[in-house]
């Protein structure tokens, strides 16, 4: 169904009320604590004091002065936060009250408002198997509302997913260090490939990356509903499956666990903090866990 202008505006307002309230009450302080110090600038060198972190010792000055000195940094007050949001066709799936798209949109809005509360700039990259749209980082409520509006109404040109395209684009377009959230269901046929791994490694050396993976319960486990036709939303491929077979259901669940473990392993290897959120769970709880673990 095609939404008219008033429908979209009502949805934007509804999401703003919910997510801005969450941000004000819960996340703004946690966001600042979790991501402060990610942008640090050199301030001065001073003599070492008991309790200082030995990792901050400036060995050149120490050698010249013959007494230990450390580098002192100060937090940059203005940081940039980038959202990389998956807009591929698989985000339109949902077996609960919410599509994956709904959850991705709300999480993006919460994070964006949390960043805005800390006076950070917010930008957005929409991607499928290509970069569909780039919104440069800016400050302000009107800018965030524009991003939410685009998340609701944007129509991608492609249906597929290529995570590496979004991550490579981030590296190319963001010259200064930023905090970047990769919001996706990670249903990319090449997600375990060398191309995505290399893109993560390069981006991770420049930026502070965070992965947020949203999935639907039916992607993890098949219900027993007899013979059913399943369709891949991104390729259009259809297949008939006998869901009454315990062996089929077990194979399906096992394949899901293996894919999930591979994704988690890759992100962990690249030291990327991650939250995995089901459409039938409270994403607030998972976001708080993510912020606390940082």
C-alpha atoms as a PDB file:
ATOM      1  CA  UNK A   1       0.000   0.000   0.000  1.00  0.00           C
ATOM      2  CA  UNK A   2       1.320   3.474  -0.914  1.00  0.00           C
ATOM      3  CA  UNK A   3       1.230   5.894   1.997  1.00  0.00           C
ATOM      4  CA  UNK A   4       0.174   9.473   1.419  1.00  0.00           C
ATOM      5  CA  UNK A   5       1.919  12.520   2.863  1.00  0.00           C
ATOM      6  CA  UNK A   6      -0.304  12.750   5.960  1.00  0.00           C
ATOM      7  CA  UNK A   7       0.137   9.037   6.771  1.00  0.00           C
ATOM      8  CA  UNK A   8       3.914   9.406   6.658  1.00  0.00           C
ATOM      9  CA  UNK A   9       3.875  12.541   8.812  1.00  0.00           C
ATOM     10  CA  UNK A  10       1.712  10.792  11.416  1.00  0.00           C
ATOM     11  CA  UNK A  11       4.104   7.857  11.552  1.00  0.00           C
ATOM     12  CA  UNK A  12       7.116  10.161  11.854  1.00  0.00           C
ATOM     13  CA  UNK A  13       5.455  11.974  14.741  1.00  0.00           C
ATOM     14  CA  UNK A  14       4.529   8.710  16.456  1.00  0.00           C
ATOM     15  CA  UNK A  15       8.088   7.387  16.182  1.00  0.00           C
ATOM     16  CA  UNK A  16       9.486  10.714  17.393  1.00  0.00           C
ATOM     17  CA  UNK A  17       7.299  10.700  20.513  1.00  0.00           C
ATOM     18  CA  UNK A  18       8.260   7.136  21.417  1.00  0.00           C
ATOM     19  CA  UNK A  19      11.960   7.170  20.566  1.00  0.00           C
ATOM     20  CA  UNK A  20      12.721  10.701  21.724  1.00  0.00           C
ATOM     21  CA  UNK A  21      11.141   9.870  25.076  1.00  0.00           C
ATOM     22  CA  UNK A  22      13.296   6.750  25.378  1.00  0.00           C
ATOM     23  CA  UNK A  23      16.361   8.746  24.435  1.00  0.00           C
ATOM     24  CA  UNK A  24      15.647  11.499  26.974  1.00  0.00           C
ATOM     25  CA  UNK A  25      14.816   9.151  29.828  1.00  0.00           C
ATOM     26  CA  UNK A  26      17.192   6.257  29.277  1.00  0.00           C
ATOM     27  CA  UNK A  27      19.758   6.497  26.546  1.00  0.00           C
ATOM     28  CA  UNK A  28      21.226   9.996  26.377  1.00  0.00           C
ATOM     29  CA  UNK A  29      23.454   9.534  29.422  1.00  0.00           C
ATOM     30  CA  UNK A  30      24.290   5.933  28.570  1.00  0.00           C
ATOM     31  CA  UNK A  31      25.153   6.929  24.998  1.00  0.00           C
ATOM     32  CA  UNK A  32      27.571   9.591  26.236  1.00  0.00           C
ATOM     33  CA  UNK A  33      29.193   7.142  28.651  1.00  0.00           C
ATOM     34  CA  UNK A  34      29.411   4.368  26.064  1.00  0.00           C
ATOM     35  CA  UNK A  35      30.851   6.472  23.268  1.00  0.00           C
ATOM     36  CA  UNK A  36      32.759   9.251  25.005  1.00  0.00           C
ATOM     37  CA  UNK A  37      36.475   9.240  24.403  1.00  0.00           C
ATOM     38  CA  UNK A  38      36.069   7.688  20.988  1.00  0.00           C
ATOM     39  CA  UNK A  39      37.033  11.053  19.583  1.00  0.00           C
ATOM     40  CA  UNK A  40      40.103  12.231  21.516  1.00  0.00           C
ATOM     41  CA  UNK A  41      42.511  15.032  20.750  1.00  0.00           C
ATOM     42  CA  UNK A  42      46.031  15.486  22.120  1.00  0.00           C
ATOM     43  CA  UNK A  43      46.228  18.158  24.818  1.00  0.00           C
ATOM     44  CA  UNK A  44      49.653  18.155  26.515  1.00  0.00           C
ATOM     45  CA  UNK A  45      52.530  16.162  28.003  1.00  0.00           C
ATOM     46  CA  UNK A  46      53.084  16.133  31.746  1.00  0.00           C
ATOM     47  CA  UNK A  47      55.105  14.179  34.291  1.00  0.00           C
ATOM     48  CA  UNK A  48      53.853  10.725  35.211  1.00  0.00           C
ATOM     49  CA  UNK A  49      51.829  10.487  38.439  1.00  0.00           C
ATOM     50  CA  UNK A  50      50.941   7.443  40.481  1.00  0.00           C
ATOM     51  CA  UNK A  51      47.809   5.862  39.051  1.00  0.00           C
ATOM     52  CA  UNK A  52      48.317   7.119  35.478  1.00  0.00           C
ATOM     53  CA  UNK A  53      47.836   4.596  32.679  1.00  0.00           C
ATOM     54  CA  UNK A  54      51.272   3.375  31.597  1.00  0.00           C
ATOM     55  CA  UNK A  55      49.919   2.986  28.058  1.00  0.00           C
ATOM     56  CA  UNK A  56      49.881   6.784  27.797  1.00  0.00           C
ATOM     57  CA  UNK A  57      53.607   7.172  28.465  1.00  0.00           C
ATOM     58  CA  UNK A  58      55.356   9.323  25.854  1.00  0.00           C
ATOM     59  CA  UNK A  59      58.602   7.404  25.457  1.00  0.00           C
ATOM     60  CA  UNK A  60      60.324  10.096  23.372  1.00  0.00           C
ATOM     61  CA  UNK A  61      59.829  12.804  26.010  1.00  0.00           C
ATOM     62  CA  UNK A  62      60.622  10.298  28.765  1.00  0.00           C
ATOM     63  CA  UNK A  63      63.939   9.463  27.107  1.00  0.00           C
ATOM     64  CA  UNK A  64      64.884  13.119  26.642  1.00  0.00           C
ATOM     65  CA  UNK A  65      63.921  14.242  30.130  1.00  0.00           C
ATOM     66  CA  UNK A  66      65.025  11.025  31.843  1.00  0.00           C
ATOM     67  CA  UNK A  67      61.817  11.009  33.868  1.00  0.00           C
ATOM     68  CA  UNK A  68      58.501   9.415  32.885  1.00  0.00           C
ATOM     69  CA  UNK A  69      56.001  11.656  31.081  1.00  0.00           C
ATOM     70  CA  UNK A  70      52.566  10.838  29.737  1.00  0.00           C
ATOM     71  CA  UNK A  71      50.404  12.178  26.939  1.00  0.00           C
ATOM     72  CA  UNK A  72      47.206  13.854  28.107  1.00  0.00           C
ATOM     73  CA  UNK A  73      44.143  13.757  25.893  1.00  0.00           C
ATOM     74  CA  UNK A  74      40.869  15.621  26.067  1.00  0.00           C
ATOM     75  CA  UNK A  75      37.567  14.449  24.724  1.00  0.00           C
ATOM     76  CA  UNK A  76      36.423  16.129  21.538  1.00  0.00           C
ATOM     77  CA  UNK A  77      33.119  17.752  22.351  1.00  0.00           C
ATOM     78  CA  UNK A  78      31.667  17.321  18.894  1.00  0.00           C
ATOM     79  CA  UNK A  79      31.519  13.767  17.591  1.00  0.00           C
ATOM     80  CA  UNK A  80      29.884  12.323  14.484  1.00  0.00           C
ATOM     81  CA  UNK A  81      27.579   9.325  14.504  1.00  0.00           C
ATOM     82  CA  UNK A  82      26.737   7.486  11.273  1.00  0.00           C
ATOM     83  CA  UNK A  83      23.840   5.098  10.734  1.00  0.00           C
ATOM     84  CA  UNK A  84      24.285   2.409   8.082  1.00  0.00           C
ATOM     85  CA  UNK A  85      20.761   1.085   7.561  1.00  0.00           C
ATOM     86  CA  UNK A  86      19.850  -1.996   5.535  1.00  0.00           C
ATOM     87  CA  UNK A  87      16.962  -1.221   3.150  1.00  0.00           C
ATOM     88  CA  UNK A  88      17.005  -4.537   1.261  1.00  0.00           C
ATOM     89  CA  UNK A  89      13.791  -6.489   0.600  1.00  0.00           C
ATOM     90  CA  UNK A  90      14.300  -8.910   3.505  1.00  0.00           C
ATOM     91  CA  UNK A  91      13.654  -6.093   5.996  1.00  0.00           C
ATOM     92  CA  UNK A  92       9.972  -6.229   4.995  1.00  0.00           C
ATOM     93  CA  UNK A  93       9.501  -9.655   6.629  1.00  0.00           C
ATOM     94  CA  UNK A  94       7.702 -10.043   9.928  1.00  0.00           C
ATOM     95  CA  UNK A  95       5.733 -12.805  11.631  1.00  0.00           C
ATOM     96  CA  UNK A  96       5.004 -10.831  14.827  1.00  0.00           C
ATOM     97  CA  UNK A  97       3.362  -7.436  15.307  1.00  0.00           C
ATOM     98  CA  UNK A  98       6.389  -5.765  13.724  1.00  0.00           C
ATOM     99  CA  UNK A  99       8.350  -6.011  10.504  1.00  0.00           C
ATOM    100  CA  UNK A 100      12.129  -5.974  10.777  1.00  0.00           C
ATOM    101  CA  UNK A 101      11.906  -2.568   9.096  1.00  0.00           C
ATOM    102  CA  UNK A 102       9.854  -1.211  12.023  1.00  0.00           C
ATOM    103  CA  UNK A 103      12.440  -2.291  14.585  1.00  0.00           C
ATOM    104  CA  UNK A 104      15.372  -1.040  12.510  1.00  0.00           C
ATOM    105  CA  UNK A 105      13.667   2.348  12.104  1.00  0.00           C
ATOM    106  CA  UNK A 106      12.928   2.734  15.810  1.00  0.00           C
ATOM    107  CA  UNK A 107      16.434   1.711  16.873  1.00  0.00           C
ATOM    108  CA  UNK A 108      17.949   4.131  14.363  1.00  0.00           C
ATOM    109  CA  UNK A 109      15.717   6.901  15.739  1.00  0.00           C
ATOM    110  CA  UNK A 110      16.612   6.160  19.377  1.00  0.00           C
ATOM    111  CA  UNK A 111      20.336   6.174  18.624  1.00  0.00           C
ATOM    112  CA  UNK A 112      20.024   9.343  16.539  1.00  0.00           C
ATOM    113  CA  UNK A 113      18.129  11.242  19.249  1.00  0.00           C
ATOM    114  CA  UNK A 114      20.627  10.007  21.860  1.00  0.00           C
ATOM    115  CA  UNK A 115      23.465  11.393  19.748  1.00  0.00           C
ATOM    116  CA  UNK A 116      21.598  14.666  19.285  1.00  0.00           C
ATOM    117  CA  UNK A 117      21.186  14.993  23.063  1.00  0.00           C
ATOM    118  CA  UNK A 118      24.991  14.974  23.222  1.00  0.00           C
ATOM    119  CA  UNK A 119      25.209  17.614  20.488  1.00  0.00           C
ATOM    120  CA  UNK A 120      26.693  15.152  17.996  1.00  0.00           C
ATOM    121  CA  UNK A 121      26.185  15.260  14.257  1.00  0.00           C
ATOM    122  CA  UNK A 122      24.157  12.413  12.751  1.00  0.00           C
ATOM    123  CA  UNK A 123      24.363  11.055   9.202  1.00  0.00           C
ATOM    124  CA  UNK A 124      22.868   8.054   7.430  1.00  0.00           C
ATOM    125  CA  UNK A 125      23.786   5.572   4.698  1.00  0.00           C
ATOM    126  CA  UNK A 126      20.933   3.569   3.159  1.00  0.00           C
ATOM    127  CA  UNK A 127      22.164   0.389   1.487  1.00  0.00           C
ATOM    128  CA  UNK A 128      20.929  -2.722  -0.305  1.00  0.00           C
ATOM    129  CA  UNK A 129      23.487  -4.439  -2.535  1.00  0.00           C
ATOM    130  CA  UNK A 130      24.582  -0.891  -3.361  1.00  0.00           C
ATOM    131  CA  UNK A 131      24.611   2.434  -1.560  1.00  0.00           C
ATOM    132  CA  UNK A 132      21.090   3.712  -2.169  1.00  0.00           C
ATOM    133  CA  UNK A 133      21.258   7.090  -0.442  1.00  0.00           C
ATOM    134  CA  UNK A 134      23.708   9.137   1.606  1.00  0.00           C
ATOM    135  CA  UNK A 135      22.592  11.795   4.094  1.00  0.00           C
ATOM    136  CA  UNK A 136      25.615  13.828   5.284  1.00  0.00           C
ATOM    137  CA  UNK A 137      25.998  14.364   9.043  1.00  0.00           C
ATOM    138  CA  UNK A 138      24.262  17.387  10.539  1.00  0.00           C
ATOM    139  CA  UNK A 139      22.853  18.508  13.872  1.00  0.00           C
ATOM    140  CA  UNK A 140      19.319  19.310  14.908  1.00  0.00           C
ATOM    141  CA  UNK A 141      15.861  17.846  15.448  1.00  0.00           C
ATOM    142  CA  UNK A 142      14.646  18.684  11.949  1.00  0.00           C
ATOM    143  CA  UNK A 143      17.569  16.766  10.454  1.00  0.00           C
ATOM    144  CA  UNK A 144      16.789  13.670  12.527  1.00  0.00           C
ATOM    145  CA  UNK A 145      13.098  13.877  11.634  1.00  0.00           C
ATOM    146  CA  UNK A 146      14.104  13.985   7.965  1.00  0.00           C
ATOM    147  CA  UNK A 147      16.161  10.798   8.453  1.00  0.00           C
ATOM    148  CA  UNK A 148      13.190   9.077  10.148  1.00  0.00           C
ATOM    149  CA  UNK A 149      10.911  10.165   7.321  1.00  0.00           C
ATOM    150  CA  UNK A 150      13.314   8.647   4.802  1.00  0.00           C
ATOM    151  CA  UNK A 151      13.542   5.413   6.817  1.00  0.00           C
ATOM    152  CA  UNK A 152       9.752   5.117   6.643  1.00  0.00           C
ATOM    153  CA  UNK A 153       9.154   6.067   3.014  1.00  0.00           C
ATOM    154  CA  UNK A 154      12.395   5.263   1.155  1.00  0.00           C
ATOM    155  CA  UNK A 155      12.080   2.852  -1.783  1.00  0.00           C
ATOM    156  CA  UNK A 156      15.352   1.173  -2.760  1.00  0.00           C
ATOM    157  CA  UNK A 157      16.240   0.468  -6.371  1.00  0.00           C
ATOM    158  CA  UNK A 158      17.586  -2.993  -5.528  1.00  0.00           C
ATOM    159  CA  UNK A 159      16.314  -5.891  -3.396  1.00  0.00           C
ATOM    160  CA  UNK A 160      19.625  -7.564  -2.477  1.00  0.00           C
ATOM    161  CA  UNK A 161      22.129  -7.066   0.344  1.00  0.00           C
ATOM    162  CA  UNK A 162      25.866  -6.331   0.254  1.00  0.00           C
ATOM    163  CA  UNK A 163      27.158  -5.314   3.667  1.00  0.00           C
ATOM    164  CA  UNK A 164      30.627  -4.666   2.269  1.00  0.00           C
ATOM    165  CA  UNK A 165      29.284  -1.875   0.017  1.00  0.00           C
ATOM    166  CA  UNK A 166      27.999   0.122   2.995  1.00  0.00           C
ATOM    167  CA  UNK A 167      31.155  -0.374   5.060  1.00  0.00           C
ATOM    168  CA  UNK A 168      33.451   0.556   2.158  1.00  0.00           C
ATOM    169  CA  UNK A 169      31.401   3.675   1.461  1.00  0.00           C
ATOM    170  CA  UNK A 170      31.694   4.689   5.128  1.00  0.00           C
ATOM    171  CA  UNK A 171      35.483   4.421   4.906  1.00  0.00           C
ATOM    172  CA  UNK A 172      35.554   6.475   1.716  1.00  0.00           C
ATOM    173  CA  UNK A 173      33.198   9.268   2.794  1.00  0.00           C
ATOM    174  CA  UNK A 174      34.134   9.728   6.469  1.00  0.00           C
ATOM    175  CA  UNK A 175      37.661  11.106   6.682  1.00  0.00           C
ATOM    176  CA  UNK A 176      37.580  11.754  10.439  1.00  0.00           C
ATOM    177  CA  UNK A 177      36.916   9.111  13.075  1.00  0.00           C
ATOM    178  CA  UNK A 178      33.247   8.544  13.853  1.00  0.00           C
ATOM    179  CA  UNK A 179      30.959   6.113  15.647  1.00  0.00           C
ATOM    180  CA  UNK A 180      29.053   4.018  13.097  1.00  0.00           C
ATOM    181  CA  UNK A 181      26.081   1.703  13.671  1.00  0.00           C
ATOM    182  CA  UNK A 182      25.523  -1.078  11.131  1.00  0.00           C
ATOM    183  CA  UNK A 183      21.786  -1.910  11.376  1.00  0.00           C
ATOM    184  CA  UNK A 184      20.817  -4.965   9.356  1.00  0.00           C
ATOM    185  CA  UNK A 185      19.457  -8.506   9.424  1.00  0.00           C
ATOM    186  CA  UNK A 186      22.868  -9.525   7.995  1.00  0.00           C
ATOM    187  CA  UNK A 187      21.164 -11.762   5.389  1.00  0.00           C
ATOM    188  CA  UNK A 188      23.952 -11.207   2.893  1.00  0.00           C
ATOM    189  CA  UNK A 189      25.071 -14.256   0.871  1.00  0.00           C
ATOM    190  CA  UNK A 190      28.630 -12.901   0.995  1.00  0.00           C
ATOM    191  CA  UNK A 191      28.591 -11.925   4.685  1.00  0.00           C
ATOM    192  CA  UNK A 192      31.190 -14.594   5.560  1.00  0.00           C
ATOM    193  CA  UNK A 193      33.367 -13.743   2.570  1.00  0.00           C
ATOM    194  CA  UNK A 194      36.766 -12.136   2.415  1.00  0.00           C
ATOM    195  CA  UNK A 195      35.355  -8.937   0.860  1.00  0.00           C
ATOM    196  CA  UNK A 196      33.171  -8.108   3.875  1.00  0.00           C
ATOM    197  CA  UNK A 197      35.900  -9.140   6.324  1.00  0.00           C
ATOM    198  CA  UNK A 198      38.430  -6.838   4.629  1.00  0.00           C
ATOM    199  CA  UNK A 199      35.953  -3.945   4.563  1.00  0.00           C
ATOM    200  CA  UNK A 200      35.311  -4.395   8.301  1.00  0.00           C
ATOM    201  CA  UNK A 201      39.014  -4.539   9.080  1.00  0.00           C
ATOM    202  CA  UNK A 202      39.765  -1.309   7.206  1.00  0.00           C
ATOM    203  CA  UNK A 203      36.749   0.578   8.585  1.00  0.00           C
ATOM    204  CA  UNK A 204      37.406  -0.703  12.110  1.00  0.00           C
ATOM    205  CA  UNK A 205      40.912   0.718  12.058  1.00  0.00           C
ATOM    206  CA  UNK A 206      39.499   4.205  11.393  1.00  0.00           C
ATOM    207  CA  UNK A 207      36.111   4.228  13.090  1.00  0.00           C
ATOM    208  CA  UNK A 208      34.261   2.887  16.121  1.00  0.00           C
ATOM    209  CA  UNK A 209      31.885   0.302  14.622  1.00  0.00           C
ATOM    210  CA  UNK A 210      28.819  -1.188  16.324  1.00  0.00           C
ATOM    211  CA  UNK A 211      26.668  -3.957  14.825  1.00  0.00           C
ATOM    212  CA  UNK A 212      22.931  -4.246  15.490  1.00  0.00           C
ATOM    213  CA  UNK A 213      21.345  -7.345  14.012  1.00  0.00           C
ATOM    214  CA  UNK A 214      17.556  -7.638  13.812  1.00  0.00           C
ATOM    215  CA  UNK A 215      15.876 -10.946  12.997  1.00  0.00           C
ATOM    216  CA  UNK A 216      12.415 -12.513  13.017  1.00  0.00           C
ATOM    217  CA  UNK A 217      11.720 -15.659  15.114  1.00  0.00           C
ATOM    218  CA  UNK A 218      10.556 -17.532  12.007  1.00  0.00           C
ATOM    219  CA  UNK A 219      14.006 -17.051  10.478  1.00  0.00           C
ATOM    220  CA  UNK A 220      15.475 -19.005  13.380  1.00  0.00           C
ATOM    221  CA  UNK A 221      12.871 -21.741  13.686  1.00  0.00           C
ATOM    222  CA  UNK A 222      10.185 -23.190  11.411  1.00  0.00           C
ATOM    223  CA  UNK A 223       6.705 -23.885  12.813  1.00  0.00           C
ATOM    224  CA  UNK A 224       4.979 -27.196  12.067  1.00  0.00           C
ATOM    225  CA  UNK A 225       2.362 -26.101   9.497  1.00  0.00           C
ATOM    226  CA  UNK A 226       2.621 -28.955   7.007  1.00  0.00           C
ATOM    227  CA  UNK A 227       3.635 -28.364   3.387  1.00  0.00           C
ATOM    228  CA  UNK A 228       4.510 -24.692   2.905  1.00  0.00           C
ATOM    229  CA  UNK A 229       5.958 -22.590   0.108  1.00  0.00           C
ATOM    230  CA  UNK A 230       8.847 -20.351   1.190  1.00  0.00           C
ATOM    231  CA  UNK A 231      10.148 -17.446  -0.861  1.00  0.00           C
ATOM    232  CA  UNK A 232      13.429 -15.559  -0.657  1.00  0.00           C
ATOM    233  CA  UNK A 233      12.421 -11.883  -0.539  1.00  0.00           C
ATOM    234  CA  UNK A 234      15.653 -10.722  -2.153  1.00  0.00           C
ATOM    235  CA  UNK A 235      16.045 -13.222  -4.998  1.00  0.00           C
ATOM    236  CA  UNK A 236      12.404 -14.237  -5.515  1.00  0.00           C
ATOM    237  CA  UNK A 237      13.382 -17.925  -5.379  1.00  0.00           C
ATOM    238  CA  UNK A 238      10.592 -20.208  -4.116  1.00  0.00           C
ATOM    239  CA  UNK A 239      10.787 -23.654  -2.564  1.00  0.00           C
ATOM    240  CA  UNK A 240       8.251 -26.090  -1.106  1.00  0.00           C
ATOM    241  CA  UNK A 241       9.109 -27.389   2.360  1.00  0.00           C
ATOM    242  CA  UNK A 242       7.550 -30.104   4.505  1.00  0.00           C
ATOM    243  CA  UNK A 243       7.550 -28.358   7.867  1.00  0.00           C
ATOM    244  CA  UNK A 244       5.865 -31.350   9.524  1.00  0.00           C
ATOM    245  CA  UNK A 245       9.212 -33.181   9.244  1.00  0.00           C
ATOM    246  CA  UNK A 246      11.235 -32.890  12.463  1.00  0.00           C
ATOM    247  CA  UNK A 247      14.415 -33.494  10.442  1.00  0.00           C
ATOM    248  CA  UNK A 248      13.620 -30.542   8.155  1.00  0.00           C
ATOM    249  CA  UNK A 249      12.907 -28.245  11.105  1.00  0.00           C
ATOM    250  CA  UNK A 250      16.085 -29.354  12.888  1.00  0.00           C
ATOM    251  CA  UNK A 251      18.172 -28.771   9.760  1.00  0.00           C
ATOM    252  CA  UNK A 252      16.640 -25.312   9.334  1.00  0.00           C
ATOM    253  CA  UNK A 253      17.341 -24.351  12.958  1.00  0.00           C
ATOM    254  CA  UNK A 254      20.867 -25.755  12.819  1.00  0.00           C
ATOM    255  CA  UNK A 255      21.644 -23.802   9.635  1.00  0.00           C
ATOM    256  CA  UNK A 256      20.409 -20.625  11.332  1.00  0.00           C
ATOM    257  CA  UNK A 257      22.612 -21.208  14.390  1.00  0.00           C
ATOM    258  CA  UNK A 258      25.647 -21.814  12.191  1.00  0.00           C
ATOM    259  CA  UNK A 259      25.047 -18.600  10.233  1.00  0.00           C
ATOM    260  CA  UNK A 260      24.558 -16.657  13.465  1.00  0.00           C
ATOM    261  CA  UNK A 261      27.736 -18.040  14.989  1.00  0.00           C
ATOM    262  CA  UNK A 262      29.691 -17.163  11.842  1.00  0.00           C
ATOM    263  CA  UNK A 263      28.422 -13.564  11.944  1.00  0.00           C
ATOM    264  CA  UNK A 264      29.159 -13.224  15.665  1.00  0.00           C
ATOM    265  CA  UNK A 265      32.640 -14.672  15.194  1.00  0.00           C
ATOM    266  CA  UNK A 266      33.476 -12.285  12.354  1.00  0.00           C
ATOM    267  CA  UNK A 267      32.289  -9.224  14.271  1.00  0.00           C
ATOM    268  CA  UNK A 268      34.043 -10.324  17.454  1.00  0.00           C
ATOM    269  CA  UNK A 269      37.267 -10.957  15.528  1.00  0.00           C
ATOM    270  CA  UNK A 270      37.139  -7.353  14.337  1.00  0.00           C
ATOM    271  CA  UNK A 271      36.349  -6.151  17.886  1.00  0.00           C
ATOM    272  CA  UNK A 272      32.912  -4.858  16.918  1.00  0.00           C
ATOM    273  CA  UNK A 273      30.375  -4.680  19.762  1.00  0.00           C
ATOM    274  CA  UNK A 274      27.090  -6.274  18.734  1.00  0.00           C
ATOM    275  CA  UNK A 275      23.450  -6.578  19.782  1.00  0.00           C
ATOM    276  CA  UNK A 276      21.167  -9.250  18.307  1.00  0.00           C
ATOM    277  CA  UNK A 277      17.485  -8.339  18.574  1.00  0.00           C
ATOM    278  CA  UNK A 278      14.375 -10.354  17.707  1.00  0.00           C
ATOM    279  CA  UNK A 279      11.234  -8.615  16.462  1.00  0.00           C
ATOM    280  CA  UNK A 280       9.288 -10.201  19.348  1.00  0.00           C
ATOM    281  CA  UNK A 281      11.689  -8.851  22.020  1.00  0.00           C
ATOM    282  CA  UNK A 282      12.009  -5.490  23.747  1.00  0.00           C
ATOM    283  CA  UNK A 283      14.858  -3.812  21.901  1.00  0.00           C
ATOM    284  CA  UNK A 284      15.289  -1.343  24.786  1.00  0.00           C
ATOM    285  CA  UNK A 285      16.666  -4.113  27.018  1.00  0.00           C
ATOM    286  CA  UNK A 286      19.159  -5.208  24.375  1.00  0.00           C
ATOM    287  CA  UNK A 287      20.311  -1.653  23.651  1.00  0.00           C
ATOM    288  CA  UNK A 288      20.909  -1.004  27.339  1.00  0.00           C
ATOM    289  CA  UNK A 289      22.995  -4.204  27.506  1.00  0.00           C
ATOM    290  CA  UNK A 290      24.998  -3.037  24.501  1.00  0.00           C
ATOM    291  CA  UNK A 291      25.656   0.391  25.988  1.00  0.00           C
ATOM    292  CA  UNK A 292      26.596  -1.105  29.375  1.00  0.00           C
ATOM    293  CA  UNK A 293      29.068  -3.591  27.908  1.00  0.00           C
ATOM    294  CA  UNK A 294      30.951  -0.659  26.396  1.00  0.00           C
END
